[in-house]
Amino acid sequence: GSLTRAAFLSARNDVLANVAIVAAGLVTAATRSAWPDLIVGLSIFAMNLDAAREVYTAAREERRAATAEA
């Protein structure tokens, strides 16, 4: 259900964000530019926003199904 989906998306996003943060740190250290950090930060924001939308949609569908059964 939606809780399982939320747990999976949270774990997946955490792994991807950590890898991206390490990569951005290396690129930032090499180039002395803030752009890698900004790009990764915005990407993490977008990724989490999409996951929240997906969980919200799944939860709404579960609620509709439960209401239809009652």
PDB file of N, CA and C in Angstrom:
ATOM      1  N   GLY A   1       0.814  -1.191   0.000  1.00  0.00           N
ATOM      2  CA  GLY A   1       0.000   0.000   0.000  1.00  0.00           C
ATOM      3  C   GLY A   1       0.852   1.247   0.000  1.00  0.00           C
ATOM      4  N   SER A   2       0.230   2.318   0.372  1.00  0.00           N
ATOM      5  CA  SER A   2       0.902   3.615   0.331  1.00  0.00           C
ATOM      6  C   SER A   2       2.051   3.699   1.332  1.00  0.00           C
ATOM      7  N   LEU A   3       1.925   3.038   2.479  1.00  0.00           N
ATOM      8  CA  LEU A   3       3.013   3.079   3.470  1.00  0.00           C
ATOM      9  C   LEU A   3       4.249   2.331   2.983  1.00  0.00           C
ATOM     10  N   THR A   4       4.023   1.205   2.320  1.00  0.00           N
ATOM     11  CA  THR A   4       5.138   0.456   1.749  1.00  0.00           C
ATOM     12  C   THR A   4       5.814   1.273   0.665  1.00  0.00           C
ATOM     13  N   ARG A   5       5.004   1.904  -0.172  1.00  0.00           N
ATOM     14  CA  ARG A   5       5.542   2.743  -1.245  1.00  0.00           C
ATOM     15  C   ARG A   5       6.341   3.901  -0.657  1.00  0.00           C
ATOM     16  N   ALA A   6       5.833   4.515   0.390  1.00  0.00           N
ATOM     17  CA  ALA A   6       6.531   5.637   1.036  1.00  0.00           C
ATOM     18  C   ALA A   6       7.872   5.193   1.603  1.00  0.00           C
ATOM     19  N   ALA A   7       7.908   4.015   2.240  1.00  0.00           N
ATOM     20  CA  ALA A   7       9.160   3.513   2.800  1.00  0.00           C
ATOM     21  C   ALA A   7      10.178   3.243   1.704  1.00  0.00           C
ATOM     22  N   PHE A   8       9.717   2.627   0.608  1.00  0.00           N
ATOM     23  CA  PHE A   8      10.627   2.350  -0.505  1.00  0.00           C
ATOM     24  C   PHE A   8      11.169   3.644  -1.114  1.00  0.00           C
ATOM     25  N   LEU A   9      10.280   4.598  -1.393  1.00  0.00           N
ATOM     26  CA  LEU A   9      10.716   5.853  -2.008  1.00  0.00           C
ATOM     27  C   LEU A   9      11.652   6.632  -1.095  1.00  0.00           C
ATOM     28  N   SER A  10      11.383   6.591   0.202  1.00  0.00           N
ATOM     29  CA  SER A  10      12.245   7.285   1.157  1.00  0.00           C
ATOM     30  C   SER A  10      13.646   6.685   1.163  1.00  0.00           C
ATOM     31  N   ALA A  11      13.729   5.370   1.192  1.00  0.00           N
ATOM     32  CA  ALA A  11      15.037   4.708   1.186  1.00  0.00           C
ATOM     33  C   ALA A  11      15.773   4.956  -0.127  1.00  0.00           C
ATOM     34  N   ARG A  12      15.050   4.838  -1.243  1.00  0.00           N
ATOM     35  CA  ARG A  12      15.672   5.069  -2.554  1.00  0.00           C
ATOM     36  C   ARG A  12      16.179   6.504  -2.671  1.00  0.00           C
ATOM     37  N   ASN A  13      15.342   7.459  -2.277  1.00  0.00           N
ATOM     38  CA  ASN A  13      15.737   8.862  -2.373  1.00  0.00           C
ATOM     39  C   ASN A  13      16.917   9.173  -1.469  1.00  0.00           C
ATOM     40  N   ASP A  14      16.962   8.541  -0.310  1.00  0.00           N
ATOM     41  CA  ASP A  14      18.069   8.758   0.625  1.00  0.00           C
ATOM     42  C   ASP A  14      19.386   8.290   0.016  1.00  0.00           C
ATOM     43  N   VAL A  15      19.365   7.111  -0.594  1.00  0.00           N
ATOM     44  CA  VAL A  15      20.582   6.584  -1.221  1.00  0.00           C
ATOM     45  C   VAL A  15      21.025   7.489  -2.367  1.00  0.00           C
ATOM     46  N   LEU A  16      20.088   7.840  -3.244  1.00  0.00           N
ATOM     47  CA  LEU A  16      20.436   8.699  -4.384  1.00  0.00           C
ATOM     48  C   LEU A  16      20.941  10.064  -3.930  1.00  0.00           C
ATOM     49  N   ALA A  17      20.290  10.627  -2.913  1.00  0.00           N
ATOM     50  CA  ALA A  17      20.716  11.935  -2.411  1.00  0.00           C
ATOM     51  C   ALA A  17      22.118  11.869  -1.813  1.00  0.00           C
ATOM     52  N   ASN A  18      22.414  10.818  -1.054  1.00  0.00           N
ATOM     53  CA  ASN A  18      23.744  10.697  -0.451  1.00  0.00           C
ATOM     54  C   ASN A  18      24.832  10.557  -1.509  1.00  0.00           C
ATOM     55  N   VAL A  19      24.580   9.767  -2.530  1.00  0.00           N
ATOM     56  CA  VAL A  19      25.553   9.619  -3.615  1.00  0.00           C
ATOM     57  C   VAL A  19      25.745  10.957  -4.339  1.00  0.00           C
ATOM     58  N   ALA A  20      24.641  11.646  -4.601  1.00  0.00           N
ATOM     59  CA  ALA A  20      24.724  12.930  -5.300  1.00  0.00           C
ATOM     60  C   ALA A  20      25.450  13.980  -4.458  1.00  0.00           C
ATOM     61  N   ILE A  21      25.234  13.958  -3.153  1.00  0.00           N
ATOM     62  CA  ILE A  21      25.897  14.924  -2.271  1.00  0.00           C
ATOM     63  C   ILE A  21      27.403  14.696  -2.252  1.00  0.00           C
ATOM     64  N   VAL A  22      27.825  13.447  -2.199  1.00  0.00           N
ATOM     65  CA  VAL A  22      29.260  13.144  -2.217  1.00  0.00           C
ATOM     66  C   VAL A  22      29.861  13.585  -3.551  1.00  0.00           C
ATOM     67  N   ALA A  23      29.185  13.279  -4.646  1.00  0.00           N
ATOM     68  CA  ALA A  23      29.685  13.686  -5.967  1.00  0.00           C
ATOM     69  C   ALA A  23      29.751  15.199  -6.078  1.00  0.00           C
ATOM     70  N   ALA A  24      28.724  15.886  -5.600  1.00  0.00           N
ATOM     71  CA  ALA A  24      28.731  17.353  -5.643  1.00  0.00           C
ATOM     72  C   ALA A  24      29.862  17.921  -4.794  1.00  0.00           C
ATOM     73  N   GLY A  25      30.117  17.298  -3.655  1.00  0.00           N
ATOM     74  CA  GLY A  25      31.224  17.758  -2.814  1.00  0.00           C
ATOM     75  C   GLY A  25      32.565  17.633  -3.520  1.00  0.00           C
ATOM     76  N   LEU A  26      32.759  16.520  -4.226  1.00  0.00           N
ATOM     77  CA  LEU A  26      34.011  16.342  -4.967  1.00  0.00           C
ATOM     78  C   LEU A  26      34.153  17.358  -6.095  1.00  0.00           C
ATOM     79  N   VAL A  27      33.057  17.555  -6.830  1.00  0.00           N
ATOM     80  CA  VAL A  27      33.095  18.526  -7.940  1.00  0.00           C
ATOM     81  C   VAL A  27      33.271  19.939  -7.396  1.00  0.00           C
ATOM     82  N   THR A  28      32.611  20.250  -6.298  1.00  0.00           N
ATOM     83  CA  THR A  28      32.744  21.579  -5.694  1.00  0.00           C
ATOM     84  C   THR A  28      34.174  21.823  -5.219  1.00  0.00           C
ATOM     85  N   ALA A  29      34.771  20.818  -4.615  1.00  0.00           N
ATOM     86  CA  ALA A  29      36.153  20.963  -4.142  1.00  0.00           C
ATOM     87  C   ALA A  29      37.113  21.158  -5.306  1.00  0.00           C
ATOM     88  N   ALA A  30      36.853  20.487  -6.423  1.00  0.00           N
ATOM     89  CA  ALA A  30      37.738  20.598  -7.585  1.00  0.00           C
ATOM     90  C   ALA A  30      37.559  21.904  -8.331  1.00  0.00           C
ATOM     91  N   THR A  31      36.326  22.414  -8.374  1.00  0.00           N
ATOM     92  CA  THR A  31      36.062  23.597  -9.202  1.00  0.00           C
ATOM     93  C   THR A  31      35.880  24.881  -8.405  1.00  0.00           C
ATOM     94  N   ARG A  32      35.679  24.750  -7.101  1.00  0.00           N
ATOM     95  CA  ARG A  32      35.410  25.909  -6.234  1.00  0.00           C
ATOM     96  C   ARG A  32      34.158  26.674  -6.680  1.00  0.00           C
ATOM     97  N   SER A  33      33.189  25.944  -7.209  1.00  0.00           N
ATOM     98  CA  SER A  33      31.947  26.535  -7.677  1.00  0.00           C
ATOM     99  C   SER A  33      30.801  26.050  -6.798  1.00  0.00           C
ATOM    100  N   ALA A  34      29.826  26.909  -6.590  1.00  0.00           N
ATOM    101  CA  ALA A  34      28.654  26.533  -5.799  1.00  0.00           C
ATOM    102  C   ALA A  34      27.600  25.817  -6.642  1.00  0.00           C
ATOM    103  N   TRP A  35      27.734  25.832  -7.942  1.00  0.00           N
ATOM    104  CA  TRP A  35      26.721  25.254  -8.828  1.00  0.00           C
ATOM    105  C   TRP A  35      26.430  23.770  -8.579  1.00  0.00           C
ATOM    106  N   PRO A  36      27.443  22.936  -8.365  1.00  0.00           N
ATOM    107  CA  PRO A  36      27.115  21.525  -8.105  1.00  0.00           C
ATOM    108  C   PRO A  36      26.213  21.341  -6.879  1.00  0.00           C
ATOM    109  N   ASP A  37      26.484  22.080  -5.823  1.00  0.00           N
ATOM    110  CA  ASP A  37      25.646  22.002  -4.624  1.00  0.00           C
ATOM    111  C   ASP A  37      24.227  22.476  -4.913  1.00  0.00           C
ATOM    112  N   LEU A  38      24.099  23.560  -5.643  1.00  0.00           N
ATOM    113  CA  LEU A  38      22.778  24.092  -5.971  1.00  0.00           C
ATOM    114  C   LEU A  38      21.991  23.121  -6.846  1.00  0.00           C
ATOM    115  N   ILE A  39      22.658  22.553  -7.825  1.00  0.00           N
ATOM    116  CA  ILE A  39      21.989  21.609  -8.727  1.00  0.00           C
ATOM    117  C   ILE A  39      21.542  20.367  -7.969  1.00  0.00           C
ATOM    118  N   VAL A  40      22.400  19.835  -7.128  1.00  0.00           N
ATOM    119  CA  VAL A  40      22.041  18.651  -6.340  1.00  0.00           C
ATOM    120  C   VAL A  40      20.907  18.980  -5.366  1.00  0.00           C
ATOM    121  N   GLY A  41      20.977  20.115  -4.732  1.00  0.00           N
ATOM    122  CA  GLY A  41      19.912  20.512  -3.805  1.00  0.00           C
ATOM    123  C   GLY A  41      18.561  20.620  -4.482  1.00  0.00           C
ATOM    124  N   LEU A  42      18.538  21.251  -5.641  1.00  0.00           N
ATOM    125  CA  LEU A  42      17.281  21.361  -6.392  1.00  0.00           C
ATOM    126  C   LEU A  42      16.805  20.005  -6.898  1.00  0.00           C
ATOM    127  N   SER A  43      17.738  19.159  -7.269  1.00  0.00           N
ATOM    128  CA  SER A  43      17.372  17.812  -7.726  1.00  0.00           C
ATOM    129  C   SER A  43      16.768  16.977  -6.594  1.00  0.00           C
ATOM    130  N   ILE A  44      17.350  17.091  -5.413  1.00  0.00           N
ATOM    131  CA  ILE A  44      16.815  16.373  -4.249  1.00  0.00           C
ATOM    132  C   ILE A  44      15.417  16.887  -3.921  1.00  0.00           C
ATOM    133  N   PHE A  45      15.239  18.194  -3.992  1.00  0.00           N
ATOM    134  CA  PHE A  45      13.920  18.777  -3.755  1.00  0.00           C
ATOM    135  C   PHE A  45      12.889  18.220  -4.740  1.00  0.00           C
ATOM    136  N   ALA A  46      13.240  18.209  -6.025  1.00  0.00           N
ATOM    137  CA  ALA A  46      12.328  17.704  -7.052  1.00  0.00           C
ATOM    138  C   ALA A  46      12.037  16.215  -6.858  1.00  0.00           C
ATOM    139  N   MET A  47      13.058  15.460  -6.518  1.00  0.00           N
ATOM    140  CA  MET A  47      12.890  14.023  -6.317  1.00  0.00           C
ATOM    141  C   MET A  47      11.943  13.750  -5.140  1.00  0.00           C
ATOM    142  N   ASN A  48      12.105  14.482  -4.043  1.00  0.00           N
ATOM    143  CA  ASN A  48      11.243  14.295  -2.876  1.00  0.00           C
ATOM    144  C   ASN A  48       9.823  14.797  -3.137  1.00  0.00           C
ATOM    145  N   LEU A  49       9.692  15.854  -3.901  1.00  0.00           N
ATOM    146  CA  LEU A  49       8.373  16.356  -4.263  1.00  0.00           C
ATOM    147  C   LEU A  49       7.622  15.328  -5.108  1.00  0.00           C
ATOM    148  N   ASP A  50       8.322  14.704  -6.048  1.00  0.00           N
ATOM    149  CA  ASP A  50       7.707  13.676  -6.879  1.00  0.00           C
ATOM    150  C   ASP A  50       7.309  12.461  -6.042  1.00  0.00           C
ATOM    151  N   ALA A  51       8.144  12.072  -5.093  1.00  0.00           N
ATOM    152  CA  ALA A  51       7.825  10.941  -4.222  1.00  0.00           C
ATOM    153  C   ALA A  51       6.607  11.255  -3.365  1.00  0.00           C
ATOM    154  N   ALA A  52       6.519  12.481  -2.859  1.00  0.00           N
ATOM    155  CA  ALA A  52       5.368  12.872  -2.052  1.00  0.00           C
ATOM    156  C   ALA A  52       4.092  12.820  -2.886  1.00  0.00           C
ATOM    157  N   ARG A  53       4.163  13.261  -4.125  1.00  0.00           N
ATOM    158  CA  ARG A  53       3.007  13.206  -5.020  1.00  0.00           C
ATOM    159  C   ARG A  53       2.582  11.759  -5.255  1.00  0.00           C
ATOM    160  N   GLU A  54       3.551  10.903  -5.460  1.00  0.00           N
ATOM    161  CA  GLU A  54       3.260   9.494  -5.716  1.00  0.00           C
ATOM    162  C   GLU A  54       2.612   8.816  -4.505  1.00  0.00           C
ATOM    163  N   VAL A  55       3.106   9.102  -3.309  1.00  0.00           N
ATOM    164  CA  VAL A  55       2.532   8.520  -2.096  1.00  0.00           C
ATOM    165  C   VAL A  55       1.135   9.083  -1.859  1.00  0.00           C
ATOM    166  N   TYR A  56       0.953  10.360  -2.076  1.00  0.00           N
ATOM    167  CA  TYR A  56      -0.362  10.990  -1.902  1.00  0.00           C
ATOM    168  C   TYR A  56      -1.382  10.366  -2.853  1.00  0.00           C
ATOM    169  N   THR A  57      -0.985  10.156  -4.096  1.00  0.00           N
ATOM    170  CA  THR A  57      -1.878   9.528  -5.074  1.00  0.00           C
ATOM    171  C   THR A  57      -2.236   8.108  -4.650  1.00  0.00           C
ATOM    172  N   ALA A  58      -1.268   7.338  -4.195  1.00  0.00           N
ATOM    173  CA  ALA A  58      -1.529   5.972  -3.756  1.00  0.00           C
ATOM    174  C   ALA A  58      -2.466   5.956  -2.545  1.00  0.00           C
ATOM    175  N   ALA A  59      -2.259   6.871  -1.622  1.00  0.00           N
ATOM    176  CA  ALA A  59      -3.103   6.933  -0.431  1.00  0.00           C
ATOM    177  C   ALA A  59      -4.534   7.318  -0.806  1.00  0.00           C
ATOM    178  N   ARG A  60      -4.700   8.236  -1.739  1.00  0.00           N
ATOM    179  CA  ARG A  60      -6.049   8.612  -2.192  1.00  0.00           C
ATOM    180  C   ARG A  60      -6.760   7.434  -2.831  1.00  0.00           C
ATOM    181  N   GLU A  61      -6.032   6.675  -3.642  1.00  0.00           N
ATOM    182  CA  GLU A  61      -6.636   5.503  -4.281  1.00  0.00           C
ATOM    183  C   GLU A  61      -7.034   4.457  -3.242  1.00  0.00           C
ATOM    184  N   GLU A  62      -6.195   4.255  -2.222  1.00  0.00           N
ATOM    185  CA  GLU A  62      -6.536   3.322  -1.151  1.00  0.00           C
ATOM    186  C   GLU A  62      -7.782   3.778  -0.404  1.00  0.00           C
ATOM    187  N   ARG A  63      -7.863   5.066  -0.158  1.00  0.00           N
ATOM    188  CA  ARG A  63      -9.027   5.588   0.553  1.00  0.00           C
ATOM    189  C   ARG A  63     -10.300   5.419  -0.276  1.00  0.00           C
ATOM    190  N   ARG A  64     -10.206   5.694  -1.582  1.00  0.00           N
ATOM    191  CA  ARG A  64     -11.360   5.498  -2.454  1.00  0.00           C
ATOM    192  C   ARG A  64     -11.806   4.039  -2.446  1.00  0.00           C
ATOM    193  N   ALA A  65     -10.859   3.122  -2.510  1.00  0.00           N
ATOM    194  CA  ALA A  65     -11.176   1.699  -2.504  1.00  0.00           C
ATOM    195  C   ALA A  65     -11.824   1.289  -1.189  1.00  0.00           C
ATOM    196  N   ALA A  66     -11.319   1.808  -0.079  1.00  0.00           N
ATOM    197  CA  ALA A  66     -11.884   1.476   1.235  1.00  0.00           C
ATOM    198  C   ALA A  66     -13.285   2.066   1.389  1.00  0.00           C
ATOM    199  N   THR A  67     -13.499   3.252   0.864  1.00  0.00           N
ATOM    200  CA  THR A  67     -14.809   3.878   0.936  1.00  0.00           C
ATOM    201  C   THR A  67     -15.822   3.144   0.066  1.00  0.00           C
ATOM    202  N   ALA A  68     -15.373   2.661  -1.080  1.00  0.00           N
ATOM    203  CA  ALA A  68     -16.263   1.938  -1.982  1.00  0.00           C
ATOM    204  C   ALA A  68     -16.687   0.594  -1.392  1.00  0.00           C
ATOM    205  N   GLU A  69     -15.821  -0.014  -0.611  1.00  0.00           N
ATOM    206  CA  GLU A  69     -16.134  -1.300   0.027  1.00  0.00           C
ATOM    207  C   GLU A  69     -17.116  -1.150   1.171  1.00  0.00           C
ATOM    208  N   ALA A  70     -17.087  -0.007   1.825  1.00  0.00           N
ATOM    209  CA  ALA A  70     -17.922   0.205   3.019  1.00  0.00           C
ATOM    210  C   ALA A  70     -19.347   0.490   2.688  1.00  0.00           C
TER     211      ALA A  70
END
